[in-house]
C-alpha atoms as a PDB file:
ATOM      1  CA  MET A   1      -0.013   0.125   0.006  1.00  0.00           C
ATOM      2  CA  PHE A   2       1.460   3.285  -1.144  1.00  0.00           C
ATOM      3  CA  ASP A   3       1.578   5.698   1.866  1.00  0.00           C
ATOM      4  CA  ALA A   4       1.763   9.099   0.222  1.00  0.00           C
ATOM      5  CA  ARG A   5       2.230  11.225   3.463  1.00  0.00           C
ATOM      6  CA  LYS A   6       5.291   8.941   4.410  1.00  0.00           C
ATOM      7  CA  ILE A   7       6.905   9.110   0.923  1.00  0.00           C
ATOM      8  CA  LYS A   8       6.168  12.786   0.823  1.00  0.00           C
ATOM      9  CA  ASP A   9       7.978  13.473   4.198  1.00  0.00           C
ATOM     10  CA  SER A  10      10.817  11.145   3.058  1.00  0.00           C
ATOM     11  CA  CYS A  11      11.399  13.174  -0.131  1.00  0.00           C
ATOM     12  CA  VAL A  12      11.266  16.344   1.616  1.00  0.00           C
ATOM     13  CA  ASP A  13      14.145  14.986   3.843  1.00  0.00           C
ATOM     14  CA  TRP A  14      16.047  13.851   0.833  1.00  0.00           C
ATOM     15  CA  ILE A  15      15.750  17.317  -0.730  1.00  0.00           C
ATOM     16  CA  ARG A  16      17.043  18.801   2.346  1.00  0.00           C
ATOM     17  CA  SER A  17      20.118  16.458   2.469  1.00  0.00           C
ATOM     18  CA  PHE A  18      20.729  16.861  -1.234  1.00  0.00           C
ATOM     19  CA  PHE A  19      21.085  20.761  -0.686  1.00  0.00           C
ATOM     20  CA  GLN A  20      22.993  20.438   2.518  1.00  0.00           C
ATOM     21  CA  GLU A  21      25.549  18.301   0.837  1.00  0.00           C
ATOM     22  CA  ASN A  22      25.535  20.202  -2.612  1.00  0.00           C
ATOM     23  CA  GLY A  23      24.865  23.798  -1.847  1.00  0.00           C
ATOM     24  CA  PRO A  24      23.784  24.633   1.566  1.00  0.00           C
ATOM     25  CA  ALA A  25      22.970  28.233   0.552  1.00  0.00           C
ATOM     26  CA  CYS A  26      21.714  27.318  -2.992  1.00  0.00           C
ATOM     27  CA  ASN A  27      18.180  27.928  -4.434  1.00  0.00           C
ATOM     28  CA  ALA A  28      15.944  25.211  -6.151  1.00  0.00           C
ATOM     29  CA  VAL A  29      15.198  26.226  -9.571  1.00  0.00           C
ATOM     30  CA  VAL A  30      12.281  24.720 -11.017  1.00  0.00           C
ATOM     31  CA  GLY A  31      10.712  24.980 -14.610  1.00  0.00           C
ATOM     32  CA  ILE A  32       7.050  25.578 -14.246  1.00  0.00           C
ATOM     33  CA  SER A  33       4.801  24.249 -16.786  1.00  0.00           C
ATOM     34  CA  GLY A  34       1.440  24.177 -14.776  1.00  0.00           C
ATOM     35  CA  GLY A  35       1.152  20.342 -14.834  1.00  0.00           C
ATOM     36  CA  LYS A  36       1.399  18.033 -11.791  1.00  0.00           C
ATOM     37  CA  ASP A  37       5.037  17.133 -12.060  1.00  0.00           C
ATOM     38  CA  SER A  38       6.487  20.666 -11.787  1.00  0.00           C
ATOM     39  CA  SER A  39       3.690  21.543  -9.287  1.00  0.00           C
ATOM     40  CA  VAL A  40       4.670  18.571  -7.027  1.00  0.00           C
ATOM     41  CA  VAL A  41       8.246  19.290  -7.358  1.00  0.00           C
ATOM     42  CA  ALA A  42       8.105  22.968  -6.347  1.00  0.00           C
ATOM     43  CA  ALA A  43       5.938  22.122  -3.609  1.00  0.00           C
ATOM     44  CA  LEU A  44       8.292  19.662  -2.103  1.00  0.00           C
ATOM     45  CA  CYS A  45      11.145  22.052  -2.415  1.00  0.00           C
ATOM     46  CA  VAL A  46       9.082  24.853  -0.762  1.00  0.00           C
ATOM     47  CA  GLU A  47       8.457  22.478   2.224  1.00  0.00           C
ATOM     48  CA  ALA A  48      11.990  21.258   2.384  1.00  0.00           C
ATOM     49  CA  LEU A  49      13.772  24.694   1.826  1.00  0.00           C
ATOM     50  CA  GLY A  50      11.240  27.415   2.270  1.00  0.00           C
ATOM     51  CA  ARG A  51       9.525  29.413  -0.389  1.00  0.00           C
ATOM     52  CA  GLU A  52      12.358  31.951  -0.315  1.00  0.00           C
ATOM     53  CA  ARG A  53      14.797  29.522  -1.607  1.00  0.00           C
ATOM     54  CA  VAL A  54      12.584  28.195  -4.556  1.00  0.00           C
ATOM     55  CA  LEU A  55      12.535  30.159  -7.870  1.00  0.00           C
ATOM     56  CA  GLY A  56      10.013  29.228 -10.596  1.00  0.00           C
ATOM     57  CA  VAL A  57      10.653  29.724 -14.393  1.00  0.00           C
ATOM     58  CA  LEU A  58       7.832  29.892 -16.755  1.00  0.00           C
ATOM     59  CA  MET A  59       8.961  29.216 -20.320  1.00  0.00           C
ATOM     60  CA  PRO A  60       6.211  29.605 -22.977  1.00  0.00           C
ATOM     61  CA  CYS A  61       6.924  29.516 -26.684  1.00  0.00           C
ATOM     62  CA  GLY A  62       4.784  32.348 -27.944  1.00  0.00           C
ATOM     63  CA  GLN A  63       1.212  31.959 -26.689  1.00  0.00           C
ATOM     64  CA  GLN A  64       0.718  29.279 -24.016  1.00  0.00           C
ATOM     65  CA  HIS A  65      -2.956  28.482 -23.748  1.00  0.00           C
ATOM     66  CA  ASP A  66      -2.771  27.145 -20.217  1.00  0.00           C
ATOM     67  CA  ILE A  67      -0.143  29.459 -18.751  1.00  0.00           C
ATOM     68  CA  ASP A  68      -2.630  30.555 -16.274  1.00  0.00           C
ATOM     69  CA  MET A  69      -2.096  27.077 -14.579  1.00  0.00           C
ATOM     70  CA  ALA A  70       1.598  27.842 -14.168  1.00  0.00           C
ATOM     71  CA  TYR A  71       0.832  31.351 -12.725  1.00  0.00           C
ATOM     72  CA  LYS A  72      -1.794  29.699 -10.400  1.00  0.00           C
ATOM     73  CA  LEU A  73       0.929  27.375  -9.035  1.00  0.00           C
ATOM     74  CA  VAL A  74       3.652  30.078  -8.434  1.00  0.00           C
ATOM     75  CA  ASN A  75       0.934  32.240  -6.748  1.00  0.00           C
ATOM     76  CA  HIS A  76      -0.422  29.289  -4.628  1.00  0.00           C
ATOM     77  CA  LEU A  77       3.037  28.553  -3.390  1.00  0.00           C
ATOM     78  CA  GLY A  78       4.135  32.196  -3.025  1.00  0.00           C
ATOM     79  CA  ILE A  79       7.543  31.869  -4.821  1.00  0.00           C
ATOM     80  CA  ARG A  80       9.799  34.018  -6.726  1.00  0.00           C
ATOM     81  CA  HIS A  81       9.189  33.600 -10.557  1.00  0.00           C
ATOM     82  CA  TYR A  82      10.049  34.795 -14.056  1.00  0.00           C
ATOM     83  CA  GLU A  83       8.615  34.382 -17.373  1.00  0.00           C
ATOM     84  CA  VAL A  84      10.958  33.791 -20.202  1.00  0.00           C
ATOM     85  CA  ASN A  85       9.465  33.504 -23.687  1.00  0.00           C
ATOM     86  CA  ILE A  86      11.625  31.217 -25.713  1.00  0.00           C
ATOM     87  CA  LYS A  87       9.920  31.775 -29.174  1.00  0.00           C
ATOM     88  CA  GLU A  88      12.538  34.037 -30.511  1.00  0.00           C
ATOM     89  CA  ALA A  89      15.479  32.091 -29.385  1.00  0.00           C
ATOM     90  CA  ALA A  90      13.981  29.003 -30.989  1.00  0.00           C
ATOM     91  CA  GLU A  91      13.218  30.772 -34.165  1.00  0.00           C
ATOM     92  CA  ALA A  92      16.731  32.233 -34.389  1.00  0.00           C
ATOM     93  CA  LEU A  93      18.303  28.968 -33.772  1.00  0.00           C
ATOM     94  CA  LYS A  94      16.265  27.261 -36.524  1.00  0.00           C
ATOM     95  CA  ALA A  95      16.944  29.993 -38.836  1.00  0.00           C
ATOM     96  CA  SER A  96      20.779  29.767 -38.250  1.00  0.00           C
ATOM     97  CA  ILE A  97      20.885  26.098 -39.165  1.00  0.00           C
ATOM     98  CA  PRO A  98      21.546  25.721 -42.886  1.00  0.00           C
ATOM     99  CA  PHE A  99      19.046  22.823 -43.479  1.00  0.00           C
ATOM    100  CA  ALA A 100      15.501  21.939 -42.401  1.00  0.00           C
ATOM    101  CA  LEU A 101      15.334  20.059 -39.120  1.00  0.00           C
ATOM    102  CA  SER A 102      13.572  16.766 -38.986  1.00  0.00           C
ATOM    103  CA  GLN A 103      10.099  16.698 -37.265  1.00  0.00           C
ATOM    104  CA  GLN A 104      11.544  15.023 -34.073  1.00  0.00           C
ATOM    105  CA  SER A 105      14.438  17.423 -33.900  1.00  0.00           C
ATOM    106  CA  ASN A 106      11.844  20.505 -34.062  1.00  0.00           C
ATOM    107  CA  VAL A 107      10.010  18.787 -31.158  1.00  0.00           C
ATOM    108  CA  ASN A 108      13.062  18.222 -28.987  1.00  0.00           C
ATOM    109  CA  LEU A 109      14.500  21.688 -29.748  1.00  0.00           C
ATOM    110  CA  LEU A 110      12.039  23.433 -27.235  1.00  0.00           C
ATOM    111  CA  PRO A 111      12.700  21.337 -24.010  1.00  0.00           C
ATOM    112  CA  ARG A 112      16.516  21.742 -24.764  1.00  0.00           C
ATOM    113  CA  ILE A 113      16.110  25.466 -25.148  1.00  0.00           C
ATOM    114  CA  ARG A 114      14.081  25.460 -21.799  1.00  0.00           C
ATOM    115  CA  MET A 115      16.810  23.486 -20.102  1.00  0.00           C
ATOM    116  CA  THR A 116      19.445  25.954 -21.350  1.00  0.00           C
ATOM    117  CA  THR A 117      17.295  28.618 -19.896  1.00  0.00           C
ATOM    118  CA  LEU A 118      16.992  26.851 -16.590  1.00  0.00           C
ATOM    119  CA  TYR A 119      20.671  26.600 -16.257  1.00  0.00           C
ATOM    120  CA  ALA A 120      21.289  30.216 -17.211  1.00  0.00           C
ATOM    121  CA  VAL A 121      18.899  31.271 -14.360  1.00  0.00           C
ATOM    122  CA  SER A 122      20.225  28.793 -12.052  1.00  0.00           C
ATOM    123  CA  GLN A 123      23.994  29.895 -12.428  1.00  0.00           C
ATOM    124  CA  SER A 124      22.746  33.627 -12.129  1.00  0.00           C
ATOM    125  CA  PHE A 125      20.716  32.994  -8.855  1.00  0.00           C
ATOM    126  CA  ASN A 126      23.237  30.427  -7.182  1.00  0.00           C
ATOM    127  CA  GLY A 127      20.761  27.538  -7.914  1.00  0.00           C
ATOM    128  CA  ARG A 128      20.363  23.842  -8.497  1.00  0.00           C
ATOM    129  CA  VAL A 129      18.018  22.753 -11.214  1.00  0.00           C
ATOM    130  CA  ALA A 130      15.238  20.312 -10.397  1.00  0.00           C
ATOM    131  CA  ASN A 131      14.514  17.514 -12.862  1.00  0.00           C
ATOM    132  CA  THR A 132      10.555  17.022 -12.911  1.00  0.00           C
ATOM    133  CA  CYS A 133      10.452  13.768 -14.660  1.00  0.00           C
ATOM    134  CA  ASN A 134       8.608  10.721 -13.085  1.00  0.00           C
ATOM    135  CA  LEU A 135       9.213   7.046 -13.246  1.00  0.00           C
ATOM    136  CA  SER A 136       6.357   6.256 -15.575  1.00  0.00           C
ATOM    137  CA  GLU A 137       7.718   8.846 -18.081  1.00  0.00           C
ATOM    138  CA  ASP A 138      11.355   7.711 -17.764  1.00  0.00           C
ATOM    139  CA  TRP A 139      10.339   3.905 -18.119  1.00  0.00           C
ATOM    140  CA  VAL A 140       9.183   4.397 -21.658  1.00  0.00           C
ATOM    141  CA  GLY A 141      11.626   7.174 -22.480  1.00  0.00           C
ATOM    142  CA  TYR A 142       8.933   9.940 -22.724  1.00  0.00           C
ATOM    143  CA  SER A 143      11.476  12.714 -22.160  1.00  0.00           C
ATOM    144  CA  THR A 144      14.000  14.576 -24.106  1.00  0.00           C
ATOM    145  CA  ARG A 145      17.644  13.786 -23.540  1.00  0.00           C
ATOM    146  CA  TYR A 146      19.512  17.019 -22.232  1.00  0.00           C
ATOM    147  CA  GLY A 147      16.136  18.594 -22.162  1.00  0.00           C
ATOM    148  CA  ASP A 148      13.502  17.940 -19.486  1.00  0.00           C
ATOM    149  CA  ALA A 149      15.462  14.721 -18.651  1.00  0.00           C
ATOM    150  CA  ALA A 150      18.318  16.822 -17.353  1.00  0.00           C
ATOM    151  CA  GLY A 151      18.712  18.448 -13.974  1.00  0.00           C
ATOM    152  CA  ASP A 152      20.801  18.423 -10.845  1.00  0.00           C
ATOM    153  CA  PHE A 153      18.382  16.516  -8.517  1.00  0.00           C
ATOM    154  CA  SER A 154      15.400  14.320  -9.380  1.00  0.00           C
ATOM    155  CA  PRO A 155      12.619  13.967  -6.539  1.00  0.00           C
ATOM    156  CA  LEU A 156      10.200  12.072  -8.519  1.00  0.00           C
ATOM    157  CA  CYS A 157      12.220   9.730 -10.915  1.00  0.00           C
ATOM    158  CA  ASN A 158      11.188   6.745  -8.658  1.00  0.00           C
ATOM    159  CA  LEU A 159       7.459   7.610  -8.482  1.00  0.00           C
ATOM    160  CA  THR A 160       4.868   6.677 -10.910  1.00  0.00           C
ATOM    161  CA  VAL A 161       2.123   9.239 -12.240  1.00  0.00           C
ATOM    162  CA  GLN A 162      -0.511   7.862  -9.909  1.00  0.00           C
ATOM    163  CA  GLU A 163       1.899   8.082  -6.822  1.00  0.00           C
ATOM    164  CA  VAL A 164       2.873  11.672  -7.748  1.00  0.00           C
ATOM    165  CA  LYS A 165      -0.683  12.704  -8.025  1.00  0.00           C
ATOM    166  CA  GLU A 166      -1.316  11.173  -4.474  1.00  0.00           C
ATOM    167  CA  ILE A 167       1.597  13.159  -3.146  1.00  0.00           C
ATOM    168  CA  GLY A 168       0.179  16.231  -4.683  1.00  0.00           C
ATOM    169  CA  ARG A 169      -2.915  15.900  -2.762  1.00  0.00           C
ATOM    170  CA  VAL A 170      -1.120  15.490   0.410  1.00  0.00           C
ATOM    171  CA  LEU A 171       0.653  18.559  -0.256  1.00  0.00           C
ATOM    172  CA  GLY A 172      -2.567  20.327  -0.510  1.00  0.00           C
ATOM    173  CA  LEU A 173      -2.006  21.508  -4.080  1.00  0.00           C
ATOM    174  CA  PRO A 174      -5.253  22.558  -6.044  1.00  0.00           C
ATOM    175  CA  ALA A 175      -7.090  19.660  -7.590  1.00  0.00           C
ATOM    176  CA  ASP A 176      -7.026  21.101 -11.127  1.00  0.00           C
ATOM    177  CA  LEU A 177      -3.258  21.199 -10.918  1.00  0.00           C
ATOM    178  CA  VAL A 178      -2.914  17.737  -9.630  1.00  0.00           C
ATOM    179  CA  ASP A 179      -5.485  16.091 -11.921  1.00  0.00           C
ATOM    180  CA  LYS A 180      -4.737  18.232 -15.042  1.00  0.00           C
ATOM    181  CA  VAL A 181      -4.643  16.033 -18.279  1.00  0.00           C
ATOM    182  CA  PRO A 182      -0.897  15.767 -19.213  1.00  0.00           C
ATOM    183  CA  ILE A 183      -0.183  17.449 -22.707  1.00  0.00           C
ATOM    184  CA  ASP A 184       3.241  17.393 -24.019  1.00  0.00           C
ATOM    185  CA  GLY A 185       3.163  21.060 -24.917  1.00  0.00           C
ATOM    186  CA  LEU A 186       5.171  20.291 -28.017  1.00  0.00           C
ATOM    187  CA  CYS A 187       2.825  18.757 -30.622  1.00  0.00           C
ATOM    188  CA  GLY A 188      -0.502  19.454 -28.946  1.00  0.00           C
ATOM    189  CA  LYS A 189      -1.386  15.855 -28.144  1.00  0.00           C
ATOM    190  CA  THR A 190      -2.000  14.365 -24.779  1.00  0.00           C
ATOM    191  CA  ASP A 191       0.815  12.001 -23.255  1.00  0.00           C
ATOM    192  CA  GLU A 192      -1.319   8.984 -23.508  1.00  0.00           C
ATOM    193  CA  ASP A 193      -2.283   9.926 -27.141  1.00  0.00           C
ATOM    194  CA  ASN A 194       1.276   9.851 -27.837  1.00  0.00           C
ATOM    195  CA  LEU A 195       2.180   6.808 -25.940  1.00  0.00           C
ATOM    196  CA  GLY A 196      -0.728   4.670 -27.082  1.00  0.00           C
ATOM    197  CA  PHE A 197      -1.767   3.453 -23.564  1.00  0.00           C
ATOM    198  CA  THR A 198      -2.831   5.063 -20.390  1.00  0.00           C
ATOM    199  CA  TYR A 199      -0.502   5.990 -17.309  1.00  0.00           C
ATOM    200  CA  ALA A 200      -3.032   3.732 -15.306  1.00  0.00           C
ATOM    201  CA  GLU A 201      -1.986   0.723 -17.314  1.00  0.00           C
ATOM    202  CA  LEU A 202       1.734   1.672 -17.455  1.00  0.00           C
ATOM    203  CA  ASP A 203       1.853   2.342 -13.619  1.00  0.00           C
ATOM    204  CA  ARG A 204       0.169  -1.003 -12.917  1.00  0.00           C
ATOM    205  CA  TYR A 205       2.697  -2.811 -14.990  1.00  0.00           C
ATOM    206  CA  ILE A 206       5.716  -1.168 -13.579  1.00  0.00           C
ATOM    207  CA  ARG A 207       4.560  -2.078 -10.035  1.00  0.00           C
ATOM    208  CA  THR A 208       3.043  -5.280 -10.287  1.00  0.00           C
ATOM    209  CA  GLY A 209       4.052  -6.809 -13.674  1.00  0.00           C
ATOM    210  CA  GLU A 210       0.284  -7.234 -14.457  1.00  0.00           C
ATOM    211  CA  ILE A 211      -1.249  -6.153 -17.748  1.00  0.00           C
ATOM    212  CA  GLU A 212      -4.182  -7.433 -19.687  1.00  0.00           C
ATOM    213  CA  ASP A 213      -3.537  -6.331 -23.299  1.00  0.00           C
ATOM    214  CA  GLN A 214      -0.450  -8.106 -24.820  1.00  0.00           C
ATOM    215  CA  ALA A 215      -0.034  -5.602 -27.535  1.00  0.00           C
ATOM    216  CA  THR A 216       0.262  -2.921 -24.969  1.00  0.00           C
ATOM    217  CA  LYS A 217       2.741  -4.988 -22.995  1.00  0.00           C
ATOM    218  CA  ALA A 218       4.847  -5.363 -25.980  1.00  0.00           C
ATOM    219  CA  ARG A 219       4.770  -1.726 -26.874  1.00  0.00           C
ATOM    220  CA  ILE A 220       5.766  -0.697 -23.266  1.00  0.00           C
ATOM    221  CA  ASP A 221       8.632  -3.417 -23.217  1.00  0.00           C
ATOM    222  CA  GLN A 222       9.831  -2.088 -26.738  1.00  0.00           C
ATOM    223  CA  LEU A 223       9.849   1.502 -25.581  1.00  0.00           C
ATOM    224  CA  HIS A 224      11.412   0.596 -22.300  1.00  0.00           C
ATOM    225  CA  GLN A 225      14.370  -1.194 -23.919  1.00  0.00           C
ATOM    226  CA  GLN A 226      14.828   1.393 -26.764  1.00  0.00           C
ATOM    227  CA  ASN A 227      15.210   4.238 -24.243  1.00  0.00           C
ATOM    228  CA  LEU A 228      17.314   2.751 -21.542  1.00  0.00           C
ATOM    229  CA  PHE A 229      20.256   4.866 -22.819  1.00  0.00           C
ATOM    230  CA  LYS A 230      18.290   7.849 -21.608  1.00  0.00           C
ATOM    231  CA  LEU A 231      18.853   6.600 -18.056  1.00  0.00           C
ATOM    232  CA  GLN A 232      22.315   5.568 -18.121  1.00  0.00           C
ATOM    233  CA  LEU A 233      25.633   7.291 -17.998  1.00  0.00           C
ATOM    234  CA  MET A 234      27.257   8.165 -21.349  1.00  0.00           C
ATOM    235  CA  PRO A 235      29.474   5.376 -22.472  1.00  0.00           C
ATOM    236  CA  SER A 236      33.091   6.272 -22.170  1.00  0.00           C
ATOM    237  CA  PHE A 237      36.171   4.786 -23.373  1.00  0.00           C
ATOM    238  CA  LEU A 238      38.576   3.474 -20.728  1.00  0.00           C
ATOM    239  CA  PRO A 239      42.170   3.243 -22.025  1.00  0.00           C
ATOM    240  CA  ILE A 240      44.490   0.584 -20.663  1.00  0.00           C
ATOM    241  CA  LEU A 241      47.588   2.418 -19.884  1.00  0.00           C
END
């Protein structure tokens, strides 16, 4: 039985320990999308460090239809925040490349620019960048390498989507932030549309190994194997001297 309050308290202690060891005077820098993951990470950091040491960065690309949810989160937590619109940076970079980027390159460009932005803010504010990926996303590679998959510490990487939601409720976050349908913000589809299965199916399979639909099992297994490299250290040559 998942004890959300116990896990929440343990995660808060872990964040405090991380900062004690890796920057006692540093701030947590969190990219705020208005979804459950960034909301829960920001709230955990506030409980661990105090709101004065948590900095939110909102990064729309042009017009973001649900940016009000991101503002709802930072206002709810009472944290410092900045909005950095990345549209001009993305367009300038694409214009400077002398060939047409592939569709996937275009999709992944934005999260990589956002991570560059987070590290620029972090270095200017004595910060440590929070990774906001969860176990469910990581399991099937639903993240961008050196984009949203990057960061200095990762509170949710061993928690499934359903578990993250339970922690969000324990933290007292607004229900519409916790239960908001996850949309990738890149191609306009929901996460589950892109994946071809539900997070409920995926989470159950991760935790119990149980799944009814064998085609779904095969797809999850294939995605997991194909994307394991995202979770591993970069292969490095070790010379024999």
